[in-house]
Amino acid sequence: MMPKARDPAGQPRPVAAYPALDAALGVGETPLCRLVRREPLIVRPDATLRDSLFALNQAGLQAGVVAESAEAPLGIVTLHDMIEAITLKQAQLTDPTFAFMTAAPATLPVDASVHRARVTITRGRLDHLVLLEPDGRLYNLLSPGDLPGFREGGAAELVEMVNLADNVDSMARAARAVRDRGLELFTNGMGAEALCQWMSGLNDLISIRVIELVADEYDLPPVSWCWMLFGSEGRVERVFAGDQDNGLIFLPDNESDTQKIRSELLPFAQAVNRALDQCGFMSCPGNIMAGNPAWCLSAAEWRARFGSWMTAPEPEALLNATIFFDFRPLYGQDELVDSLHRWLLPQPVQNPRFLRAMTEQALGCTPALGWFGNFSYDGGRRYPHTIDLKTYGSRPFVDAARIWGLRHGVWTTNTVERLRTVGPLMNRQASDTTASVEAFDVVQRLRLQRQLGGGDYDEINRVNPSHLTAPQRTMLKEAFRQARLLQLRLRQEFLQ
């Protein structure tokens, strides 16, 4: 019997049906457990090739997990592997299956996102991934065919371009090609959520390749480390504009070696930040980058940093820290970030003062709509009659989704998936969640349109409502009303 996924409280979590896709790529942050449609086939390692072939044929599967039990998956065996062994390697039908399995297969946590699986499979040219429960037990087996929107939008050609790049200049050309193709897709009507997923997958592959190229030039310390993403990158929501938000986590053999290891990793991290900037991923004005010693930390230091934000939340520090709660792994030993994530999930509910402080910060940024239904402007003399759609448009949705995600122990960091996941946990009407998601999409789409118009860092997210069509102004006002409803629910839940 396949082990069932569990919610943060440890209770069995029902497996959802394969999701209906309104856009092939609009499910990128869906947890992988929701894609599971059947139980995995477990093949004992001492089973003969004949028995394993028969079992796969009977089940109508192309692959099975080699294991003594679900608690200890050892490898993967595929129909192709066994047929090749028999026809080309003179294997006998009585030979044991373990001799022809792929040992130590790539794995992901069952609550990891479809987006992360796409990137992992594409980068490694993998045929299968093993999904694991938090305690390391087998959950299921995943193949590229299980992933919706795996190679839409002409991504295959761009992936090959990224894979063939052998220096930063060629990576910069690949990054420009991705942005140009993304512009075509957006112009042709791809939705904001789907476009974010599509471009984020390719941008991740570009960043991974940049890290690999730079790492070849440095003698890195022999410790486990992982490159992390925060903010819009961590939420899989950055498209045409935005700056880097990243950090490093590492695991020293001895905590006394932490400072030495940090000093050895920093030149490498700073070189990666410069290379990413060259590829069009702008350096962070606030220096939230792995090349900053403040964000190149050991696993213990990251836990201490998050712990300090939660147990003694200072308003100014918390305002600057919110984007760190949107972290996800990009490259390296992902298990370091996954372990940090599992440690973090139960913490916020144990610190209600922290959630209250986050709510107070969120409510300080109200949607750009006056009480009489007119737009309220924030551009001052420099940008008269304009609205910052990032601060007063999308941020109310992002903040609310983050707070509820942390309150309910939701793994995903994506705003839309957070809203969809916490809705049932909050007894929220499905229609209300749909309205919030659609409102967020309206704001994001207008932001993308404005970003394509160019401008400086402060200007690219600004819009003058008088430059919009009448239907656009109506939709934007409704989006702001939905943001206001989210903030009202936040106030009722955490401040009253």
Protein backbone atom coordinates (compact mmCIF):
# COMPACT_ATOMS: atom_id res chain seq x y z
CA MET A 1 0.00 0.00 0.00
CA MET A 2 1.35 3.43 -0.94
CA PRO A 3 2.08 5.63 2.08
CA LYS A 4 -0.23 8.62 2.21
CA ALA A 5 1.00 12.21 2.27
CA ARG A 6 0.58 13.96 5.58
CA ASP A 7 -0.36 17.49 6.44
CA PRO A 8 1.80 19.62 8.79
CA ALA A 9 -0.13 18.22 11.76
CA GLY A 10 0.83 14.67 10.77
CA GLN A 11 -2.66 13.62 9.69
CA PRO A 12 -3.15 11.67 6.44
CA ARG A 13 -3.76 14.01 3.55
CA PRO A 14 -6.07 12.87 0.75
CA VAL A 15 -4.54 12.71 -2.71
CA ALA A 16 -6.27 15.11 -5.06
CA ALA A 17 -7.28 14.20 -8.57
CA TYR A 18 -5.13 15.34 -11.46
CA PRO A 19 -5.81 19.08 -11.60
CA ALA A 20 -7.79 20.58 -14.42
CA LEU A 21 -5.54 22.97 -16.26
CA ASP A 22 -6.92 26.30 -17.39
CA ALA A 23 -3.40 27.05 -18.63
CA ALA A 24 -0.81 24.33 -19.12
CA LEU A 25 1.84 26.17 -17.14
CA GLY A 26 -0.40 27.77 -14.54
CA VAL A 27 0.15 24.97 -12.05
CA GLY A 28 3.88 25.35 -11.53
CA GLU A 29 3.71 25.68 -7.76
CA THR A 30 1.20 22.88 -7.29
CA PRO A 31 2.66 20.36 -4.79
CA LEU A 32 3.77 17.18 -6.53
CA CYS A 33 1.59 15.04 -4.27
CA ARG A 34 -1.44 16.41 -6.09
CA LEU A 35 -0.27 14.86 -9.36
CA VAL A 36 -0.18 11.33 -8.01
CA ARG A 37 -2.78 9.16 -9.71
CA ARG A 38 -1.77 5.62 -8.84
CA GLU A 39 0.37 3.70 -6.39
CA PRO A 40 4.01 2.99 -7.26
CA LEU A 41 5.15 -0.49 -8.11
CA ILE A 42 7.69 -1.73 -5.57
CA VAL A 43 10.08 -4.39 -6.88
CA ARG A 44 12.19 -6.39 -4.45
CA PRO A 45 15.92 -6.20 -5.25
CA ASP A 46 16.24 -10.00 -5.32
CA ALA A 47 13.30 -10.39 -7.71
CA THR A 48 14.33 -11.91 -11.06
CA LEU A 49 14.20 -9.94 -14.26
CA ARG A 50 11.40 -12.25 -15.38
CA ASP A 51 9.30 -11.41 -12.32
CA SER A 52 9.99 -7.68 -12.62
CA LEU A 53 9.11 -7.63 -16.33
CA PHE A 54 5.90 -9.47 -15.59
CA ALA A 55 5.00 -7.09 -12.76
CA LEU A 56 5.59 -3.96 -14.88
CA ASN A 57 3.62 -5.44 -17.77
CA GLN A 58 0.70 -6.37 -15.52
CA ALA A 59 0.62 -2.90 -13.99
CA GLY A 60 0.99 -1.15 -17.36
CA LEU A 61 3.99 0.82 -16.08
CA GLN A 62 7.34 1.79 -17.57
CA ALA A 63 9.24 1.85 -14.28
CA GLY A 64 9.18 0.64 -10.70
CA VAL A 65 10.96 1.42 -7.43
CA VAL A 66 13.46 -1.17 -6.21
CA ALA A 67 13.08 -1.49 -2.46
CA GLU A 68 12.77 -3.97 0.38
CA SER A 69 9.94 -1.79 1.68
CA ALA A 70 8.53 1.70 1.25
CA GLU A 71 10.80 2.88 4.08
CA ALA A 72 13.99 2.33 2.08
CA PRO A 73 13.89 2.97 -1.70
CA LEU A 74 17.13 1.74 -3.26
CA GLY A 75 16.76 2.62 -6.92
CA ILE A 76 14.66 2.64 -10.07
CA VAL A 77 14.29 -0.07 -12.67
CA THR A 78 12.69 0.61 -16.04
CA LEU A 79 11.27 -1.57 -18.75
CA HIS A 80 13.85 -0.08 -21.12
CA ASP A 81 16.72 -0.98 -18.76
CA MET A 82 15.65 -4.59 -18.46
CA ILE A 83 15.02 -5.12 -22.17
CA GLU A 84 18.40 -3.58 -22.96
CA ALA A 85 20.08 -5.84 -20.39
CA ILE A 86 18.56 -8.95 -21.90
CA THR A 87 19.06 -8.07 -25.58
CA LEU A 88 22.41 -6.28 -25.49
CA LYS A 89 24.16 -7.40 -22.30
CA GLN A 90 23.21 -11.09 -22.38
CA ALA A 91 21.47 -10.87 -19.04
CA GLN A 92 19.47 -13.89 -17.99
CA LEU A 93 15.82 -13.77 -16.99
CA THR A 94 16.84 -15.35 -13.70
CA ASP A 95 19.32 -12.55 -12.84
CA PRO A 96 18.39 -10.32 -9.87
CA THR A 97 16.79 -6.98 -10.66
CA PHE A 98 19.10 -4.94 -8.42
CA ALA A 99 21.99 -5.59 -10.82
CA PHE A 100 20.27 -3.50 -13.49
CA MET A 101 18.64 -0.74 -11.49
CA THR A 102 19.60 2.94 -11.37
CA ALA A 103 20.91 3.31 -7.84
CA ALA A 104 20.65 6.50 -5.76
CA PRO A 105 18.04 8.11 -8.04
CA ALA A 106 17.18 11.79 -7.95
CA THR A 107 14.63 12.58 -5.26
CA LEU A 108 12.36 15.44 -4.24
CA PRO A 109 10.13 16.00 -1.20
CA VAL A 110 6.51 15.13 -1.88
CA ASP A 111 5.47 18.73 -1.14
CA ALA A 112 7.97 20.21 -3.60
CA SER A 113 6.43 22.08 -6.51
CA VAL A 114 5.82 21.09 -10.09
CA HIS A 115 8.10 23.98 -11.04
CA ARG A 116 10.99 22.51 -9.06
CA ALA A 117 10.41 19.07 -10.61
CA ARG A 118 10.43 20.55 -14.11
CA VAL A 119 13.75 22.28 -13.49
CA THR A 120 15.30 19.18 -11.87
CA ILE A 121 14.20 16.83 -14.66
CA THR A 122 15.19 19.21 -17.44
CA ARG A 123 18.59 20.03 -16.00
CA GLY A 124 19.45 16.39 -15.29
CA ARG A 125 17.78 14.99 -18.42
CA LEU A 126 16.03 12.59 -16.09
CA ASP A 127 13.40 10.01 -16.93
CA HIS A 128 12.12 9.64 -13.37
CA LEU A 129 12.15 11.25 -9.92
CA VAL A 130 11.46 9.52 -6.62
CA LEU A 131 9.12 11.44 -4.32
CA LEU A 132 9.84 11.07 -0.62
CA GLU A 133 7.95 11.77 2.58
CA PRO A 134 9.70 14.08 5.09
CA ASP A 135 10.96 11.00 6.99
CA GLY A 136 12.56 9.55 3.85
CA ARG A 137 9.89 6.96 3.06
CA LEU A 138 8.78 6.37 -0.50
CA TYR A 139 5.74 8.30 -1.68
CA ASN A 140 5.72 7.72 -5.42
CA LEU A 141 7.57 7.77 -8.72
CA LEU A 142 7.30 10.71 -11.11
CA SER A 143 8.11 10.95 -14.83
CA PRO A 144 8.20 13.95 -17.21
CA GLY A 145 4.87 12.81 -18.64
CA ASP A 146 3.26 13.39 -15.24
CA LEU A 147 4.17 17.08 -15.33
CA PRO A 148 1.69 19.38 -17.07
CA GLY A 149 3.18 22.01 -19.33
CA PHE A 150 6.58 20.31 -19.37
CA ARG A 151 7.94 21.81 -22.59
CA GLU A 152 5.38 24.32 -23.85
CA GLY A 153 6.12 27.65 -25.46
CA GLY A 154 9.16 26.55 -27.46
CA ALA A 155 11.18 25.94 -24.31
CA ALA A 156 13.08 22.93 -25.68
CA GLU A 157 15.19 25.05 -28.04
CA LEU A 158 15.96 27.55 -25.30
CA VAL A 159 16.89 24.78 -22.85
CA GLU A 160 19.37 23.45 -25.40
CA MET A 161 20.80 26.94 -25.83
CA VAL A 162 21.33 27.20 -22.09
CA ASN A 163 22.90 23.74 -21.88
CA LEU A 164 25.38 24.54 -24.68
CA ALA A 165 26.49 27.86 -23.18
CA ASP A 166 30.07 27.61 -21.96
CA ASN A 167 30.74 31.15 -20.72
CA VAL A 168 28.90 34.06 -19.17
CA ASP A 169 28.64 35.96 -22.46
CA SER A 170 26.80 33.08 -24.12
CA MET A 171 24.60 32.75 -21.03
CA ALA A 172 23.71 36.44 -21.35
CA ARG A 173 22.62 35.80 -24.95
CA ALA A 174 20.50 32.86 -23.79
CA ALA A 175 18.89 35.04 -21.12
CA ARG A 176 17.99 37.67 -23.73
CA ALA A 177 16.49 34.96 -25.95
CA VAL A 178 14.33 33.78 -23.05
CA ARG A 179 13.07 37.30 -22.38
CA ASP A 180 12.36 37.86 -26.08
CA ARG A 181 10.40 34.62 -26.30
CA GLY A 182 8.56 35.47 -23.08
CA LEU A 183 7.55 38.80 -24.62
CA GLU A 184 6.10 36.94 -27.63
CA LEU A 185 4.11 34.61 -25.40
CA PHE A 186 2.79 37.49 -23.31
CA THR A 187 1.85 39.49 -26.40
CA ASN A 188 0.02 36.45 -27.74
CA GLY A 189 -2.11 36.18 -24.62
CA MET A 190 -0.34 33.89 -22.13
CA GLY A 191 -1.65 34.61 -18.63
CA ALA A 192 0.54 36.22 -15.98
CA GLU A 193 0.67 33.11 -13.76
CA ALA A 194 1.55 30.80 -16.62
CA LEU A 195 4.17 33.20 -17.97
CA CYS A 196 5.80 33.51 -14.56
CA GLN A 197 6.08 29.74 -14.35
CA TRP A 198 7.43 29.43 -17.89
CA MET A 199 10.08 32.13 -17.58
CA SER A 200 11.03 31.22 -14.01
CA GLY A 201 11.83 27.67 -15.10
CA LEU A 202 14.17 28.89 -17.82
CA ASN A 203 15.64 31.62 -15.61
CA ASP A 204 16.37 28.97 -12.98
CA LEU A 205 18.22 26.89 -15.58
CA ILE A 206 20.20 29.95 -16.64
CA SER A 207 21.12 30.77 -13.04
CA ILE A 208 22.10 27.16 -12.36
CA ARG A 209 24.36 27.12 -15.40
CA VAL A 210 25.93 30.44 -14.36
CA ILE A 211 26.67 29.02 -10.90
CA GLU A 212 28.25 25.93 -12.47
CA LEU A 213 30.43 27.99 -14.81
CA VAL A 214 31.64 30.26 -12.00
CA ALA A 215 32.16 27.34 -9.59
CA ASP A 216 34.63 25.80 -12.06
CA GLU A 217 36.89 28.81 -11.51
CA TYR A 218 37.04 28.49 -7.70
CA ASP A 219 38.47 26.01 -5.24
CA LEU A 220 35.40 25.72 -3.02
CA PRO A 221 35.56 24.30 0.51
CA PRO A 222 34.55 20.60 0.84
CA VAL A 223 31.23 21.23 2.59
CA SER A 224 27.59 20.91 1.62
CA TRP A 225 26.09 24.17 0.39
CA CYS A 226 23.05 25.38 -1.50
CA TRP A 227 22.16 28.56 -3.38
CA MET A 228 18.83 29.95 -2.15
CA LEU A 229 16.30 32.30 -3.75
CA PHE A 230 14.10 34.81 -1.90
CA GLY A 231 11.43 37.38 -2.75
CA SER A 232 9.80 37.27 -6.18
CA GLU A 233 12.41 34.73 -7.33
CA GLY A 234 11.56 32.51 -4.39
CA ARG A 235 7.84 32.92 -5.13
CA VAL A 236 8.39 32.13 -8.85
CA GLU A 237 6.86 35.49 -9.76
CA ARG A 238 9.65 37.47 -11.40
CA VAL A 239 9.47 37.89 -15.18
CA PHE A 240 10.82 40.86 -17.16
CA ALA A 241 12.14 43.09 -14.39
CA GLY A 242 13.42 42.69 -10.87
CA ASP A 243 16.60 42.39 -8.92
CA GLN A 244 18.45 39.46 -7.41
CA ASP A 245 17.40 38.19 -4.00
CA ASN A 246 19.58 35.23 -3.06
CA GLY A 247 21.73 33.72 -0.35
CA LEU A 248 23.90 30.75 0.56
CA ILE A 249 23.41 28.09 3.19
CA PHE A 250 26.25 25.74 4.11
CA LEU A 251 26.90 23.00 6.62
CA PRO A 252 30.32 23.08 8.33
CA ASP A 253 31.71 19.92 9.89
CA ASN A 254 32.34 21.99 13.00
CA GLU A 255 30.58 25.23 13.91
CA SER A 256 33.98 26.69 14.81
CA ASP A 257 34.85 26.52 11.09
CA THR A 258 31.88 28.67 10.07
CA GLN A 259 33.74 31.95 9.60
CA LYS A 260 36.56 30.31 7.66
CA ILE A 261 34.15 28.55 5.30
CA ARG A 262 32.18 31.76 4.80
CA SER A 263 35.33 33.61 3.80
CA GLU A 264 36.10 30.88 1.26
CA LEU A 265 32.59 30.91 -0.23
CA LEU A 266 32.14 34.69 -0.48
CA PRO A 267 34.46 35.37 -3.47
CA PHE A 268 32.64 32.66 -5.42
CA ALA A 269 29.21 34.02 -4.42
CA GLN A 270 30.20 37.57 -5.35
CA ALA A 271 31.40 36.38 -8.76
CA VAL A 272 28.07 34.62 -9.31
CA ASN A 273 26.18 37.79 -8.39
CA ARG A 274 28.24 39.77 -10.93
CA ALA A 275 27.71 37.15 -13.62
CA LEU A 276 23.95 37.08 -13.01
CA ASP A 277 23.89 40.86 -13.28
CA GLN A 278 25.65 40.53 -16.64
CA CYS A 279 22.88 38.14 -17.71
CA GLY A 280 20.20 40.72 -16.95
CA PHE A 281 19.37 39.77 -13.36
CA MET A 282 20.07 43.12 -11.73
CA SER A 283 22.10 43.29 -8.53
CA CYS A 284 19.93 43.94 -5.50
CA PRO A 285 19.99 47.61 -4.42
CA GLY A 286 19.59 46.41 -0.82
CA ASN A 287 22.45 43.92 -1.24
CA ILE A 288 20.30 40.89 -0.38
CA MET A 289 22.66 38.60 -2.23
CA ALA A 290 24.78 35.57 -1.46
CA GLY A 291 27.94 37.65 -1.87
CA ASN A 292 26.96 39.67 1.22
CA PRO A 293 28.37 38.01 4.40
CA ALA A 294 25.02 38.73 6.11
CA TRP A 295 23.30 36.26 3.75
CA CYS A 296 26.02 33.64 3.40
CA LEU A 297 25.25 31.66 6.55
CA SER A 298 25.57 28.20 8.03
CA ALA A 299 22.46 26.13 8.58
CA ALA A 300 22.61 26.94 12.30
CA GLU A 301 22.97 30.65 11.59
CA TRP A 302 19.97 30.65 9.26
CA ARG A 303 17.85 28.96 11.92
CA ALA A 304 19.03 31.54 14.46
CA ARG A 305 18.26 34.39 12.04
CA PHE A 306 14.73 33.19 11.34
CA GLY A 307 14.28 32.46 15.04
CA SER A 308 15.22 36.03 15.98
CA TRP A 309 12.73 37.45 13.50
CA MET A 310 9.96 35.29 14.94
CA THR A 311 10.64 35.48 18.67
CA ALA A 312 11.50 39.18 18.87
CA PRO A 313 9.89 40.82 15.84
CA GLU A 314 11.08 44.40 15.53
CA PRO A 315 8.98 46.40 13.04
CA GLU A 316 11.81 47.75 10.88
CA ALA A 317 13.76 44.49 10.89
CA LEU A 318 10.63 42.50 10.08
CA LEU A 319 9.78 44.80 7.17
CA ASN A 320 13.14 43.97 5.62
CA ALA A 321 12.87 40.29 6.49
CA THR A 322 9.55 39.35 4.92
CA ILE A 323 11.02 38.30 1.57
CA PHE A 324 13.25 35.76 3.32
CA PHE A 325 10.15 33.75 4.23
CA ASP A 326 9.69 33.05 0.51
CA PHE A 327 12.86 30.99 0.20
CA ARG A 328 13.44 27.96 -1.99
CA PRO A 329 16.55 26.04 -3.14
CA LEU A 330 18.10 26.58 -6.56
CA TYR A 331 21.44 24.76 -6.79
CA GLY A 332 23.55 22.56 -4.55
CA GLN A 333 22.47 20.27 -1.75
CA ASP A 334 18.74 21.00 -1.76
CA GLU A 335 18.26 18.99 1.41
CA LEU A 336 19.88 21.83 3.41
CA VAL A 337 17.09 24.18 2.35
CA ASP A 338 14.41 21.50 2.66
CA SER A 339 15.59 20.81 6.20
CA LEU A 340 15.46 24.52 7.04
CA HIS A 341 11.97 24.66 5.56
CA ARG A 342 10.74 21.71 7.63
CA TRP A 343 12.21 23.31 10.75
CA LEU A 344 10.47 26.61 9.96
CA LEU A 345 6.97 25.32 9.15
CA PRO A 346 5.76 24.78 12.75
CA GLN A 347 7.49 27.88 14.15
CA PRO A 348 5.13 30.77 13.20
CA VAL A 349 2.04 29.30 14.86
CA GLN A 350 4.08 28.95 18.04
CA ASN A 351 4.90 32.66 17.87
CA PRO A 352 1.56 34.55 17.53
CA ARG A 353 3.29 37.83 18.27
CA PHE A 354 5.29 37.34 15.07
CA LEU A 355 2.17 36.76 12.96
CA ARG A 356 0.54 39.80 14.55
CA ALA A 357 3.59 41.93 13.75
CA MET A 358 3.61 40.70 10.15
CA THR A 359 -0.08 41.56 9.88
CA GLU A 360 0.48 45.07 11.23
CA GLN A 361 3.21 45.56 8.62
CA ALA A 362 0.95 44.24 5.86
CA LEU A 363 -1.96 46.48 6.82
CA GLY A 364 0.30 49.51 6.69
CA CYS A 365 0.31 49.12 2.90
CA THR A 366 -3.27 49.65 1.74
CA PRO A 367 -4.54 49.12 -1.83
CA ALA A 368 -4.52 52.25 -3.99
CA LEU A 369 -8.25 52.87 -3.75
CA GLY A 370 -9.96 55.62 -1.79
CA TRP A 371 -13.09 55.06 0.25
CA PHE A 372 -15.25 56.67 -2.44
CA GLY A 373 -14.05 54.26 -5.10
CA ASN A 374 -11.49 56.52 -6.75
CA PHE A 375 -7.84 55.70 -7.28
CA SER A 376 -5.37 57.09 -4.76
CA TYR A 377 -1.98 58.15 -6.11
CA ASP A 378 1.42 57.88 -4.46
CA GLY A 379 3.83 59.16 -7.12
CA GLY A 380 4.20 62.70 -5.79
CA ARG A 381 5.69 65.38 -8.02
CA ARG A 382 8.10 63.02 -9.72
CA TYR A 383 5.42 60.60 -10.92
CA PRO A 384 2.11 62.53 -10.71
CA HIS A 385 -1.19 60.65 -10.97
CA THR A 386 0.53 57.25 -10.84
CA ILE A 387 0.21 54.14 -8.69
CA ASP A 388 3.04 51.81 -7.67
CA LEU A 389 1.45 48.50 -8.67
CA LYS A 390 4.11 46.53 -6.82
CA THR A 391 3.68 48.23 -3.45
CA TYR A 392 -0.01 49.12 -3.54
CA GLY A 393 -1.25 46.51 -5.99
CA SER A 394 0.42 43.12 -5.74
CA ARG A 395 1.96 43.43 -2.28
CA PRO A 396 -1.35 43.19 -0.36
CA PHE A 397 -1.99 39.83 -2.03
CA VAL A 398 1.60 38.65 -1.48
CA ASP A 399 1.62 39.68 2.18
CA ALA A 400 -1.75 38.11 2.98
CA ALA A 401 -0.86 34.86 1.24
CA ARG A 402 2.49 34.72 3.04
CA ILE A 403 0.96 35.29 6.47
CA TRP A 404 -1.73 32.65 5.97
CA GLY A 405 0.79 30.26 4.45
CA LEU A 406 3.02 30.61 7.51
CA ARG A 407 0.03 30.37 9.85
CA HIS A 408 -1.13 27.09 8.31
CA GLY A 409 2.27 25.49 7.66
CA VAL A 410 2.00 25.58 3.87
CA TRP A 411 5.16 24.44 2.07
CA THR A 412 4.77 26.43 -1.15
CA THR A 413 6.01 30.02 -1.43
CA ASN A 414 4.05 31.06 -4.53
CA THR A 415 1.31 33.63 -3.84
CA VAL A 416 -1.42 32.01 -5.95
CA GLU A 417 -0.73 28.51 -4.67
CA ARG A 418 -0.63 29.79 -1.09
CA LEU A 419 -4.08 31.35 -1.56
CA ARG A 420 -5.44 28.18 -3.14
CA THR A 421 -3.98 25.95 -0.45
CA VAL A 422 -5.00 27.94 2.61
CA GLY A 423 -8.52 28.63 1.35
CA PRO A 424 -10.01 25.31 2.52
CA LEU A 425 -7.96 25.45 5.74
CA MET A 426 -9.58 28.82 6.51
CA ASN A 427 -13.07 27.64 5.51
CA ARG A 428 -12.97 30.24 2.79
CA GLN A 429 -15.47 29.99 -0.04
CA ALA A 430 -13.89 28.67 -3.25
CA SER A 431 -15.44 31.58 -5.14
CA ASP A 432 -13.68 34.04 -2.82
CA THR A 433 -10.32 32.37 -3.44
CA THR A 434 -10.94 32.42 -7.18
CA ALA A 435 -11.76 36.13 -7.00
CA SER A 436 -8.51 36.82 -5.13
CA VAL A 437 -6.45 34.84 -7.64
CA GLU A 438 -8.07 36.57 -10.60
CA ALA A 439 -7.56 39.98 -9.00
CA PHE A 440 -3.88 39.25 -8.39
CA ASP A 441 -3.57 38.16 -12.04
CA VAL A 442 -5.05 41.49 -13.20
CA VAL A 443 -2.46 43.44 -11.20
CA GLN A 444 0.40 41.22 -12.33
CA ARG A 445 -0.58 41.49 -15.97
CA LEU A 446 -0.68 45.29 -15.78
CA ARG A 447 2.71 45.23 -14.08
CA LEU A 448 4.15 43.10 -16.89
CA GLN A 449 2.75 45.48 -19.50
CA ARG A 450 4.28 48.44 -17.68
CA GLN A 451 7.66 46.71 -17.28
CA LEU A 452 7.84 46.20 -21.02
CA GLY A 453 7.51 49.96 -21.42
CA GLY A 454 10.90 50.42 -19.75
CA GLY A 455 12.04 53.06 -17.31
CA ASP A 456 14.15 53.31 -14.18
CA TYR A 457 13.89 51.06 -11.12
CA ASP A 458 11.21 53.24 -9.47
CA GLU A 459 9.20 53.73 -12.66
CA ILE A 460 8.80 50.23 -14.11
CA ASN A 461 6.00 49.25 -11.73
CA ARG A 462 4.08 52.51 -11.98
CA VAL A 463 0.89 53.03 -13.96
CA ASN A 464 -1.17 56.10 -14.71
CA PRO A 465 -4.80 54.90 -14.67
CA SER A 466 -5.74 57.53 -17.25
CA HIS A 467 -3.52 55.68 -19.72
CA LEU A 468 -5.55 52.49 -19.28
CA THR A 469 -8.70 51.56 -21.14
CA ALA A 470 -12.04 51.89 -19.36
CA PRO A 471 -12.33 48.07 -18.89
CA GLN A 472 -8.78 47.96 -17.49
CA ARG A 473 -9.57 50.71 -14.97
CA THR A 474 -12.71 48.86 -13.91
CA MET A 475 -10.82 45.60 -13.45
CA LEU A 476 -8.02 47.32 -11.55
CA LYS A 477 -10.50 48.92 -9.15
CA GLU A 478 -12.12 45.54 -8.56
CA ALA A 479 -8.67 44.01 -7.96
CA PHE A 480 -7.98 46.65 -5.31
CA ARG A 481 -11.35 45.90 -3.69
CA GLN A 482 -10.40 42.24 -3.49
CA ALA A 483 -7.08 43.21 -1.90
CA ARG A 484 -9.00 45.29 0.65
CA LEU A 485 -11.18 42.26 1.49
CA LEU A 486 -8.04 40.18 2.12
CA GLN A 487 -6.72 42.84 4.47
CA LEU A 488 -10.06 42.99 6.29
CA ARG A 489 -9.86 39.22 6.87
CA LEU A 490 -6.28 39.62 8.13
CA ARG A 491 -7.34 42.31 10.59
CA GLN A 492 -10.22 40.22 11.89
CA GLU A 493 -8.06 37.12 12.31
CA PHE A 494 -4.91 38.56 13.85
CA LEU A 495 -5.67 41.99 15.36
CA GLN A 496 -9.09 41.61 16.98
